[in-house]
Amino acid sequence: PTTAVQAIDQIEDLLRRLARHDLDA
């Protein structure tokens, strides 16, 4: 599960960056 936690670290960062953009472009 520690590897899964490390993967979530990267996933959260990508989602935060996506949230700043217009996804309906």
mmCIF file of all heavy atoms, coordinates in Angstrom:
data_MODEL
# 
_entry.id   MODEL 
# 
loop_
_atom_site.group_PDB 
_atom_site.id 
_atom_site.type_symbol 
_atom_site.label_atom_id 
_atom_site.label_alt_id 
_atom_site.label_comp_id 
_atom_site.label_asym_id 
_atom_site.label_entity_id 
_atom_site.label_seq_id 
_atom_site.pdbx_PDB_ins_code 
_atom_site.Cartn_x 
_atom_site.Cartn_y 
_atom_site.Cartn_z 
_atom_site.occupancy 
_atom_site.B_iso_or_equiv 
_atom_site.pdbx_formal_charge 
_atom_site.auth_seq_id 
_atom_site.auth_comp_id 
_atom_site.auth_asym_id 
_atom_site.auth_atom_id 
_atom_site.pdbx_PDB_model_num 
ATOM 1   N N   . PRO A 1 1  ? 0.809   -1.230 0.000   1.00 0.00 ? 1  PRO A N   1 
ATOM 2   C CA  . PRO A 1 1  ? 0.000   0.000  0.000   1.00 0.00 ? 1  PRO A CA  1 
ATOM 3   C C   . PRO A 1 1  ? 0.838   1.274  0.000   1.00 0.00 ? 1  PRO A C   1 
ATOM 4   O O   . PRO A 1 1  ? 0.356   2.323  -0.428  1.00 0.00 ? 1  PRO A O   1 
ATOM 5   C CB  . PRO A 1 1  ? -0.831  -0.128 1.279   1.00 0.00 ? 1  PRO A CB  1 
ATOM 6   C CG  . PRO A 1 1  ? -0.075  -1.070 2.146   1.00 0.00 ? 1  PRO A CG  1 
ATOM 7   C CD  . PRO A 1 1  ? 0.596   -2.036 1.218   1.00 0.00 ? 1  PRO A CD  1 
ATOM 8   N N   . THR A 1 2  ? 2.080   1.208  0.469   1.00 0.00 ? 2  THR A N   1 
ATOM 9   C CA  . THR A 1 2  ? 2.918   2.406  0.468   1.00 0.00 ? 2  THR A CA  1 
ATOM 10  C C   . THR A 1 2  ? 3.176   2.887  -0.948  1.00 0.00 ? 2  THR A C   1 
ATOM 11  O O   . THR A 1 2  ? 3.213   4.097  -1.209  1.00 0.00 ? 2  THR A O   1 
ATOM 12  C CB  . THR A 1 2  ? 4.250   2.122  1.186   1.00 0.00 ? 2  THR A CB  1 
ATOM 13  O OG1 . THR A 1 2  ? 3.977   1.674  2.510   1.00 0.00 ? 2  THR A OG1 1 
ATOM 14  C CG2 . THR A 1 2  ? 5.102   3.371  1.248   1.00 0.00 ? 2  THR A CG2 1 
ATOM 15  N N   . THR A 1 3  ? 3.360   1.961  -1.891  1.00 0.00 ? 3  THR A N   1 
ATOM 16  C CA  . THR A 1 3  ? 3.513   2.355  -3.293  1.00 0.00 ? 3  THR A CA  1 
ATOM 17  C C   . THR A 1 3  ? 2.251   3.034  -3.803  1.00 0.00 ? 3  THR A C   1 
ATOM 18  O O   . THR A 1 3  ? 2.319   4.024  -4.539  1.00 0.00 ? 3  THR A O   1 
ATOM 19  C CB  . THR A 1 3  ? 3.841   1.119  -4.153  1.00 0.00 ? 3  THR A CB  1 
ATOM 20  O OG1 . THR A 1 3  ? 5.136   0.624  -3.798  1.00 0.00 ? 3  THR A OG1 1 
ATOM 21  C CG2 . THR A 1 3  ? 3.832   1.473  -5.634  1.00 0.00 ? 3  THR A CG2 1 
ATOM 22  N N   . ALA A 1 4  ? 1.090   2.530  -3.409  1.00 0.00 ? 4  ALA A N   1 
ATOM 23  C CA  . ALA A 1 4  ? -0.167  3.168  -3.804  1.00 0.00 ? 4  ALA A CA  1 
ATOM 24  C C   . ALA A 1 4  ? -0.251  4.585  -3.256  1.00 0.00 ? 4  ALA A C   1 
ATOM 25  O O   . ALA A 1 4  ? -0.704  5.507  -3.939  1.00 0.00 ? 4  ALA A O   1 
ATOM 26  C CB  . ALA A 1 4  ? -1.352  2.335  -3.327  1.00 0.00 ? 4  ALA A CB  1 
ATOM 27  N N   . VAL A 1 5  ? 0.198   4.789  -2.018  1.00 0.00 ? 5  VAL A N   1 
ATOM 28  C CA  . VAL A 1 5  ? 0.201   6.126  -1.416  1.00 0.00 ? 5  VAL A CA  1 
ATOM 29  C C   . VAL A 1 5  ? 1.120   7.055  -2.204  1.00 0.00 ? 5  VAL A C   1 
ATOM 30  O O   . VAL A 1 5  ? 0.776   8.215  -2.470  1.00 0.00 ? 5  VAL A O   1 
ATOM 31  C CB  . VAL A 1 5  ? 0.632   6.040  0.061   1.00 0.00 ? 5  VAL A CB  1 
ATOM 32  C CG1 . VAL A 1 5  ? 0.959   7.420  0.618   1.00 0.00 ? 5  VAL A CG1 1 
ATOM 33  C CG2 . VAL A 1 5  ? -0.468  5.393  0.887   1.00 0.00 ? 5  VAL A CG2 1 
ATOM 34  N N   . GLN A 1 6  ? 2.284   6.558  -2.599  1.00 0.00 ? 6  GLN A N   1 
ATOM 35  C CA  . GLN A 1 6  ? 3.200   7.383  -3.387  1.00 0.00 ? 6  GLN A CA  1 
ATOM 36  C C   . GLN A 1 6  ? 2.605   7.728  -4.748  1.00 0.00 ? 6  GLN A C   1 
ATOM 37  O O   . GLN A 1 6  ? 2.820   8.833  -5.270  1.00 0.00 ? 6  GLN A O   1 
ATOM 38  C CB  . GLN A 1 6  ? 4.530   6.652  -3.566  1.00 0.00 ? 6  GLN A CB  1 
ATOM 39  C CG  . GLN A 1 6  ? 5.346   6.533  -2.293  1.00 0.00 ? 6  GLN A CG  1 
ATOM 40  C CD  . GLN A 1 6  ? 6.646   5.779  -2.527  1.00 0.00 ? 6  GLN A CD  1 
ATOM 41  O OE1 . GLN A 1 6  ? 6.653   4.568  -2.752  1.00 0.00 ? 6  GLN A OE1 1 
ATOM 42  N NE2 . GLN A 1 6  ? 7.743   6.500  -2.486  1.00 0.00 ? 6  GLN A NE2 1 
ATOM 43  N N   . ALA A 1 7  ? 1.853   6.800  -5.333  1.00 0.00 ? 7  ALA A N   1 
ATOM 44  C CA  . ALA A 1 7  ? 1.193   7.088  -6.606  1.00 0.00 ? 7  ALA A CA  1 
ATOM 45  C C   . ALA A 1 7  ? 0.118   8.161  -6.426  1.00 0.00 ? 7  ALA A C   1 
ATOM 46  O O   . ALA A 1 7  ? -0.050  9.041  -7.282  1.00 0.00 ? 7  ALA A O   1 
ATOM 47  C CB  . ALA A 1 7  ? 0.580   5.810  -7.187  1.00 0.00 ? 7  ALA A CB  1 
ATOM 48  N N   . ILE A 1 8  ? -0.598  8.111  -5.316  1.00 0.00 ? 8  ILE A N   1 
ATOM 49  C CA  . ILE A 1 8  ? -1.630  9.125  -5.052  1.00 0.00 ? 8  ILE A CA  1 
ATOM 50  C C   . ILE A 1 8  ? -0.999  10.509 -4.909  1.00 0.00 ? 8  ILE A C   1 
ATOM 51  O O   . ILE A 1 8  ? -1.604  11.522 -5.283  1.00 0.00 ? 8  ILE A O   1 
ATOM 52  C CB  . ILE A 1 8  ? -2.438  8.747  -3.796  1.00 0.00 ? 8  ILE A CB  1 
ATOM 53  C CG1 . ILE A 1 8  ? -3.202  7.443  -4.037  1.00 0.00 ? 8  ILE A CG1 1 
ATOM 54  C CG2 . ILE A 1 8  ? -3.428  9.854  -3.424  1.00 0.00 ? 8  ILE A CG2 1 
ATOM 55  C CD1 . ILE A 1 8  ? -3.890  6.893  -2.801  1.00 0.00 ? 8  ILE A CD1 1 
ATOM 56  N N   . ASP A 1 9  ? 0.228   10.584 -4.372  1.00 0.00 ? 9  ASP A N   1 
ATOM 57  C CA  . ASP A 1 9  ? 0.921   11.871 -4.293  1.00 0.00 ? 9  ASP A CA  1 
ATOM 58  C C   . ASP A 1 9  ? 1.008   12.529 -5.669  1.00 0.00 ? 9  ASP A C   1 
ATOM 59  O O   . ASP A 1 9  ? 0.710   13.727 -5.830  1.00 0.00 ? 9  ASP A O   1 
ATOM 60  C CB  . ASP A 1 9  ? 2.338   11.679 -3.734  1.00 0.00 ? 9  ASP A CB  1 
ATOM 61  C CG  . ASP A 1 9  ? 2.337   11.231 -2.283  1.00 0.00 ? 9  ASP A CG  1 
ATOM 62  O OD1 . ASP A 1 9  ? 1.315   11.426 -1.596  1.00 0.00 ? 9  ASP A OD1 1 
ATOM 63  O OD2 . ASP A 1 9  ? 3.363   10.677 -1.841  1.00 0.00 ? 9  ASP A OD2 1 
ATOM 64  N N   . GLN A 1 10 ? 1.432   11.741 -6.667  1.00 0.00 ? 10 GLN A N   1 
ATOM 65  C CA  . GLN A 1 10 ? 1.565   12.279 -8.025  1.00 0.00 ? 10 GLN A CA  1 
ATOM 66  C C   . GLN A 1 10 ? 0.200   12.559 -8.644  1.00 0.00 ? 10 GLN A C   1 
ATOM 67  O O   . GLN A 1 10 ? 0.003   13.571 -9.328  1.00 0.00 ? 10 GLN A O   1 
ATOM 68  C CB  . GLN A 1 10 ? 2.337   11.290 -8.904  1.00 0.00 ? 10 GLN A CB  1 
ATOM 69  C CG  . GLN A 1 10 ? 3.765   11.025 -8.468  1.00 0.00 ? 10 GLN A CG  1 
ATOM 70  C CD  . GLN A 1 10 ? 4.669   12.225 -8.659  1.00 0.00 ? 10 GLN A CD  1 
ATOM 71  O OE1 . GLN A 1 10 ? 4.425   13.074 -9.512  1.00 0.00 ? 10 GLN A OE1 1 
ATOM 72  N NE2 . GLN A 1 10 ? 5.717   12.305 -7.855  1.00 0.00 ? 10 GLN A NE2 1 
ATOM 73  N N   . ILE A 1 11 ? -0.767  11.684 -8.383  1.00 0.00 ? 11 ILE A N   1 
ATOM 74  C CA  . ILE A 1 11 ? -2.104  11.872 -8.945  1.00 0.00 ? 11 ILE A CA  1 
ATOM 75  C C   . ILE A 1 11 ? -2.737  13.155 -8.412  1.00 0.00 ? 11 ILE A C   1 
ATOM 76  O O   . ILE A 1 11 ? -3.340  13.933 -9.168  1.00 0.00 ? 11 ILE A O   1 
ATOM 77  C CB  . ILE A 1 11 ? -2.994  10.647 -8.614  1.00 0.00 ? 11 ILE A CB  1 
ATOM 78  C CG1 . ILE A 1 11 ? -2.496  9.409  -9.355  1.00 0.00 ? 11 ILE A CG1 1 
ATOM 79  C CG2 . ILE A 1 11 ? -4.454  10.932 -8.968  1.00 0.00 ? 11 ILE A CG2 1 
ATOM 80  C CD1 . ILE A 1 11 ? -3.180  8.128  -8.937  1.00 0.00 ? 11 ILE A CD1 1 
ATOM 81  N N   . GLU A 1 12 ? -2.608  13.389 -7.115  1.00 0.00 ? 12 GLU A N   1 
ATOM 82  C CA  . GLU A 1 12 ? -3.176  14.612 -6.546  1.00 0.00 ? 12 GLU A CA  1 
ATOM 83  C C   . GLU A 1 12 ? -2.560  15.854 -7.177  1.00 0.00 ? 12 GLU A C   1 
ATOM 84  O O   . GLU A 1 12 ? -3.264  16.827 -7.475  1.00 0.00 ? 12 GLU A O   1 
ATOM 85  C CB  . GLU A 1 12 ? -2.968  14.625 -5.034  1.00 0.00 ? 12 GLU A CB  1 
ATOM 86  C CG  . GLU A 1 12 ? -3.560  15.870 -4.368  1.00 0.00 ? 12 GLU A CG  1 
ATOM 87  C CD  . GLU A 1 12 ? -3.249  15.959 -2.890  1.00 0.00 ? 12 GLU A CD  1 
ATOM 88  O OE1 . GLU A 1 12 ? -2.596  15.033 -2.349  1.00 0.00 ? 12 GLU A OE1 1 
ATOM 89  O OE2 . GLU A 1 12 ? -3.649  16.963 -2.259  1.00 0.00 ? 12 GLU A OE2 1 
ATOM 90  N N   . ASP A 1 13 ? -1.254  15.824 -7.384  1.00 0.00 ? 13 ASP A N   1 
ATOM 91  C CA  . ASP A 1 13 ? -0.597  16.981 -8.002  1.00 0.00 ? 13 ASP A CA  1 
ATOM 92  C C   . ASP A 1 13 ? -1.127  17.226 -9.411  1.00 0.00 ? 13 ASP A C   1 
ATOM 93  O O   . ASP A 1 13 ? -1.385  18.380 -9.797  1.00 0.00 ? 13 ASP A O   1 
ATOM 94  C CB  . ASP A 1 13 ? 0.913   16.754 -8.042  1.00 0.00 ? 13 ASP A CB  1 
ATOM 95  C CG  . ASP A 1 13 ? 1.652   17.928 -8.648  1.00 0.00 ? 13 ASP A CG  1 
ATOM 96  O OD1 . ASP A 1 13 ? 1.821   18.950 -7.944  1.00 0.00 ? 13 ASP A OD1 1 
ATOM 97  O OD2 . ASP A 1 13 ? 2.051   17.847 -9.833  1.00 0.00 ? 13 ASP A OD2 1 
ATOM 98  N N   . LEU A 1 14 ? -1.311  16.160 -10.193 1.00 0.00 ? 14 LEU A N   1 
ATOM 99  C CA  . LEU A 1 14 ? -1.834  16.323 -11.547 1.00 0.00 ? 14 LEU A CA  1 
ATOM 100 C C   . LEU A 1 14 ? -3.254  16.865 -11.523 1.00 0.00 ? 14 LEU A C   1 
ATOM 101 O O   . LEU A 1 14 ? -3.622  17.724 -12.343 1.00 0.00 ? 14 LEU A O   1 
ATOM 102 C CB  . LEU A 1 14 ? -1.783  14.987 -12.287 1.00 0.00 ? 14 LEU A CB  1 
ATOM 103 C CG  . LEU A 1 14 ? -0.394  14.402 -12.567 1.00 0.00 ? 14 LEU A CG  1 
ATOM 104 C CD1 . LEU A 1 14 ? -0.511  13.065 -13.282 1.00 0.00 ? 14 LEU A CD1 1 
ATOM 105 C CD2 . LEU A 1 14 ? 0.447   15.366 -13.380 1.00 0.00 ? 14 LEU A CD2 1 
ATOM 106 N N   . LEU A 1 15 ? -4.087  16.397 -10.591 1.00 0.00 ? 15 LEU A N   1 
ATOM 107 C CA  . LEU A 1 15 ? -5.467  16.889 -10.503 1.00 0.00 ? 15 LEU A CA  1 
ATOM 108 C C   . LEU A 1 15 ? -5.504  18.366 -10.106 1.00 0.00 ? 15 LEU A C   1 
ATOM 109 O O   . LEU A 1 15 ? -6.337  19.126 -10.610 1.00 0.00 ? 15 LEU A O   1 
ATOM 110 C CB  . LEU A 1 15 ? -6.259  16.050 -9.506  1.00 0.00 ? 15 LEU A CB  1 
ATOM 111 C CG  . LEU A 1 15 ? -6.602  14.618 -9.941  1.00 0.00 ? 15 LEU A CG  1 
ATOM 112 C CD1 . LEU A 1 15 ? -7.333  13.891 -8.828  1.00 0.00 ? 15 LEU A CD1 1 
ATOM 113 C CD2 . LEU A 1 15 ? -7.455  14.623 -11.208 1.00 0.00 ? 15 LEU A CD2 1 
ATOM 114 N N   . ARG A 1 16 ? -4.632  18.765 -9.206  1.00 0.00 ? 16 ARG A N   1 
ATOM 115 C CA  . ARG A 1 16 ? -4.601  20.184 -8.831  1.00 0.00 ? 16 ARG A CA  1 
ATOM 116 C C   . ARG A 1 16 ? -4.244  21.055 -10.028 1.00 0.00 ? 16 ARG A C   1 
ATOM 117 O O   . ARG A 1 16 ? -4.785  22.158 -10.187 1.00 0.00 ? 16 ARG A O   1 
ATOM 118 C CB  . ARG A 1 16 ? -3.596  20.397 -7.696  1.00 0.00 ? 16 ARG A CB  1 
ATOM 119 C CG  . ARG A 1 16 ? -4.034  19.800 -6.367  1.00 0.00 ? 16 ARG A CG  1 
ATOM 120 C CD  . ARG A 1 16 ? -3.170  20.285 -5.238  1.00 0.00 ? 16 ARG A CD  1 
ATOM 121 N NE  . ARG A 1 16 ? -3.553  19.694 -3.953  1.00 0.00 ? 16 ARG A NE  1 
ATOM 122 C CZ  . ARG A 1 16 ? -3.326  20.260 -2.785  1.00 0.00 ? 16 ARG A CZ  1 
ATOM 123 N NH1 . ARG A 1 16 ? -2.713  21.437 -2.727  1.00 0.00 ? 16 ARG A NH1 1 
ATOM 124 N NH2 . ARG A 1 16 ? -3.706  19.666 -1.661  1.00 0.00 ? 16 ARG A NH2 1 
ATOM 125 N N   . ARG A 1 17 ? -3.330  20.580 -10.862 1.00 0.00 ? 17 ARG A N   1 
ATOM 126 C CA  . ARG A 1 17 ? -2.951  21.350 -12.048 1.00 0.00 ? 17 ARG A CA  1 
ATOM 127 C C   . ARG A 1 17 ? -4.085  21.368 -13.067 1.00 0.00 ? 17 ARG A C   1 
ATOM 128 O O   . ARG A 1 17 ? -4.340  22.391 -13.704 1.00 0.00 ? 17 ARG A O   1 
ATOM 129 C CB  . ARG A 1 17 ? -1.683  20.766 -12.660 1.00 0.00 ? 17 ARG A CB  1 
ATOM 130 C CG  . ARG A 1 17 ? -0.457  20.926 -11.771 1.00 0.00 ? 17 ARG A CG  1 
ATOM 131 C CD  . ARG A 1 17 ? 0.728   20.117 -12.258 1.00 0.00 ? 17 ARG A CD  1 
ATOM 132 N NE  . ARG A 1 17 ? 1.823   20.165 -11.322 1.00 0.00 ? 17 ARG A NE  1 
ATOM 133 C CZ  . ARG A 1 17 ? 2.794   21.071 -11.335 1.00 0.00 ? 17 ARG A CZ  1 
ATOM 134 N NH1 . ARG A 1 17 ? 2.800   22.003 -12.276 1.00 0.00 ? 17 ARG A NH1 1 
ATOM 135 N NH2 . ARG A 1 17 ? 3.760   21.063 -10.441 1.00 0.00 ? 17 ARG A NH2 1 
ATOM 136 N N   . LEU A 1 18 ? -4.763  20.234 -13.242 1.00 0.00 ? 18 LEU A N   1 
ATOM 137 C CA  . LEU A 1 18 ? -5.897  20.194 -14.163 1.00 0.00 ? 18 LEU A CA  1 
ATOM 138 C C   . LEU A 1 18 ? -7.014  21.123 -13.706 1.00 0.00 ? 18 LEU A C   1 
ATOM 139 O O   . LEU A 1 18 ? -7.698  21.744 -14.532 1.00 0.00 ? 18 LEU A O   1 
ATOM 140 C CB  . LEU A 1 18 ? -6.426  18.769 -14.278 1.00 0.00 ? 18 LEU A CB  1 
ATOM 141 C CG  . LEU A 1 18 ? -5.600  17.794 -15.121 1.00 0.00 ? 18 LEU A CG  1 
ATOM 142 C CD1 . LEU A 1 18 ? -6.055  16.365 -14.882 1.00 0.00 ? 18 LEU A CD1 1 
ATOM 143 C CD2 . LEU A 1 18 ? -5.711  18.138 -16.603 1.00 0.00 ? 18 LEU A CD2 1 
ATOM 144 N N   . ALA A 1 19 ? -7.206  21.219 -12.395 1.00 0.00 ? 19 ALA A N   1 
ATOM 145 C CA  . ALA A 1 19 ? -8.296  22.043 -11.863 1.00 0.00 ? 19 ALA A CA  1 
ATOM 146 C C   . ALA A 1 19 ? -8.115  23.521 -12.180 1.00 0.00 ? 19 ALA A C   1 
ATOM 147 O O   . ALA A 1 19 ? -9.081  24.286 -12.148 1.00 0.00 ? 19 ALA A O   1 
ATOM 148 C CB  . ALA A 1 19 ? -8.408  21.844 -10.349 1.00 0.00 ? 19 ALA A CB  1 
ATOM 149 N N   . ARG A 1 20 ? -6.889  23.931 -12.485 1.00 0.00 ? 20 ARG A N   1 
ATOM 150 C CA  . ARG A 1 20 ? -6.631  25.348 -12.795 1.00 0.00 ? 20 ARG A CA  1 
ATOM 151 C C   . ARG A 1 20 ? -6.908  25.687 -14.257 1.00 0.00 ? 20 ARG A C   1 
ATOM 152 O O   . ARG A 1 20 ? -6.783  26.849 -14.643 1.00 0.00 ? 20 ARG A O   1 
ATOM 153 C CB  . ARG A 1 20 ? -5.177  25.693 -12.450 1.00 0.00 ? 20 ARG A CB  1 
ATOM 154 C CG  . ARG A 1 20 ? -4.865  25.600 -10.971 1.00 0.00 ? 20 ARG A CG  1 
ATOM 155 C CD  . ARG A 1 20 ? -3.576  26.334 -10.649 1.00 0.00 ? 20 ARG A CD  1 
ATOM 156 N NE  . ARG A 1 20 ? -2.412  25.685 -11.206 1.00 0.00 ? 20 ARG A NE  1 
ATOM 157 C CZ  . ARG A 1 20 ? -1.622  24.840 -10.520 1.00 0.00 ? 20 ARG A CZ  1 
ATOM 158 N NH1 . ARG A 1 20 ? -1.932  24.557 -9.261  1.00 0.00 ? 20 ARG A NH1 1 
ATOM 159 N NH2 . ARG A 1 20 ? -0.566  24.302 -11.070 1.00 0.00 ? 20 ARG A NH2 1 
ATOM 160 N N   . HIS A 1 21 ? -7.241  24.693 -15.058 1.00 0.00 ? 21 HIS A N   1 
ATOM 161 C CA  . HIS A 1 21 ? -7.430  24.929 -16.490 1.00 0.00 ? 21 HIS A CA  1 
ATOM 162 C C   . HIS A 1 21 ? -8.886  24.742 -16.885 1.00 0.00 ? 21 HIS A C   1 
ATOM 163 O O   . HIS A 1 21 ? -9.666  24.110 -16.184 1.00 0.00 ? 21 HIS A O   1 
ATOM 164 C CB  . HIS A 1 21 ? -6.556  23.968 -17.306 1.00 0.00 ? 21 HIS A CB  1 
ATOM 165 C CG  . HIS A 1 21 ? -5.082  24.218 -17.164 1.00 0.00 ? 21 HIS A CG  1 
ATOM 166 N ND1 . HIS A 1 21 ? -4.443  25.266 -17.786 1.00 0.00 ? 21 HIS A ND1 1 
ATOM 167 C CD2 . HIS A 1 21 ? -4.121  23.559 -16.458 1.00 0.00 ? 21 HIS A CD2 1 
ATOM 168 C CE1 . HIS A 1 21 ? -3.156  25.233 -17.491 1.00 0.00 ? 21 HIS A CE1 1 
ATOM 169 N NE2 . HIS A 1 21 ? -2.942  24.217 -16.680 1.00 0.00 ? 21 HIS A NE2 1 
ATOM 170 N N   . ASP A 1 22 ? -9.209  25.299 -18.062 1.00 0.00 ? 22 ASP A N   1 
ATOM 171 C CA  . ASP A 1 22 ? -10.540 25.132 -18.635 1.00 0.00 ? 22 ASP A CA  1 
ATOM 172 C C   . ASP A 1 22 ? -10.582 23.775 -19.315 1.00 0.00 ? 22 ASP A C   1 
ATOM 173 O O   . ASP A 1 22 ? -10.056 23.595 -20.418 1.00 0.00 ? 22 ASP A O   1 
ATOM 174 C CB  . ASP A 1 22 ? -10.815 26.249 -19.645 1.00 0.00 ? 22 ASP A CB  1 
ATOM 175 C CG  . ASP A 1 22 ? -12.179 26.109 -20.304 1.00 0.00 ? 22 ASP A CG  1 
ATOM 176 O OD1 . ASP A 1 22 ? -12.997 25.314 -19.788 1.00 0.00 ? 22 ASP A OD1 1 
ATOM 177 O OD2 . ASP A 1 22 ? -12.418 26.773 -21.330 1.00 0.00 ? 22 ASP A OD2 1 
ATOM 178 N N   . LEU A 1 23 ? -11.208 22.813 -18.671 1.00 0.00 ? 23 LEU A N   1 
ATOM 179 C CA  . LEU A 1 23 ? -11.247 21.458 -19.203 1.00 0.00 ? 23 LEU A CA  1 
ATOM 180 C C   . LEU A 1 23 ? -12.250 21.305 -20.334 1.00 0.00 ? 23 LEU A C   1 
ATOM 181 O O   . LEU A 1 23 ? -12.251 20.288 -21.023 1.00 0.00 ? 23 LEU A O   1 
ATOM 182 C CB  . LEU A 1 23 ? -11.589 20.466 -18.081 1.00 0.00 ? 23 LEU A CB  1 
ATOM 183 C CG  . LEU A 1 23 ? -10.634 20.473 -16.886 1.00 0.00 ? 23 LEU A CG  1 
ATOM 184 C CD1 . LEU A 1 23 ? -11.071 19.451 -15.857 1.00 0.00 ? 23 LEU A CD1 1 
ATOM 185 C CD2 . LEU A 1 23 ? -9.201  20.219 -17.323 1.00 0.00 ? 23 LEU A CD2 1 
ATOM 186 N N   . ASP A 1 24 ? -13.088 22.288 -20.518 1.00 0.00 ? 24 ASP A N   1 
ATOM 187 C CA  . ASP A 1 24 ? -14.083 22.239 -21.595 1.00 0.00 ? 24 ASP A CA  1 
ATOM 188 C C   . ASP A 1 24 ? -13.579 22.942 -22.857 1.00 0.00 ? 24 ASP A C   1 
ATOM 189 O O   . ASP A 1 24 ? -14.366 23.411 -23.674 1.00 0.00 ? 24 ASP A O   1 
ATOM 190 C CB  . ASP A 1 24 ? -15.394 22.884 -21.143 1.00 0.00 ? 24 ASP A CB  1 
ATOM 191 C CG  . ASP A 1 24 ? -15.994 22.169 -19.946 1.00 0.00 ? 24 ASP A CG  1 
ATOM 192 O OD1 . ASP A 1 24 ? -15.875 20.936 -19.898 1.00 0.00 ? 24 ASP A OD1 1 
ATOM 193 O OD2 . ASP A 1 24 ? -16.572 22.839 -19.077 1.00 0.00 ? 24 ASP A OD2 1 
ATOM 194 N N   . ALA A 1 25 ? -12.250 22.999 -23.006 1.00 0.00 ? 25 ALA A N   1 
ATOM 195 C CA  . ALA A 1 25 ? -11.667 23.714 -24.142 1.00 0.00 ? 25 ALA A CA  1 
ATOM 196 C C   . ALA A 1 25 ? -11.655 22.835 -25.381 1.00 0.00 ? 25 ALA A C   1 
ATOM 197 O O   . ALA A 1 25 ? -10.655 22.729 -26.084 1.00 0.00 ? 25 ALA A O   1 
ATOM 198 C CB  . ALA A 1 25 ? -10.245 24.170 -23.797 1.00 0.00 ? 25 ALA A CB  1 
# 
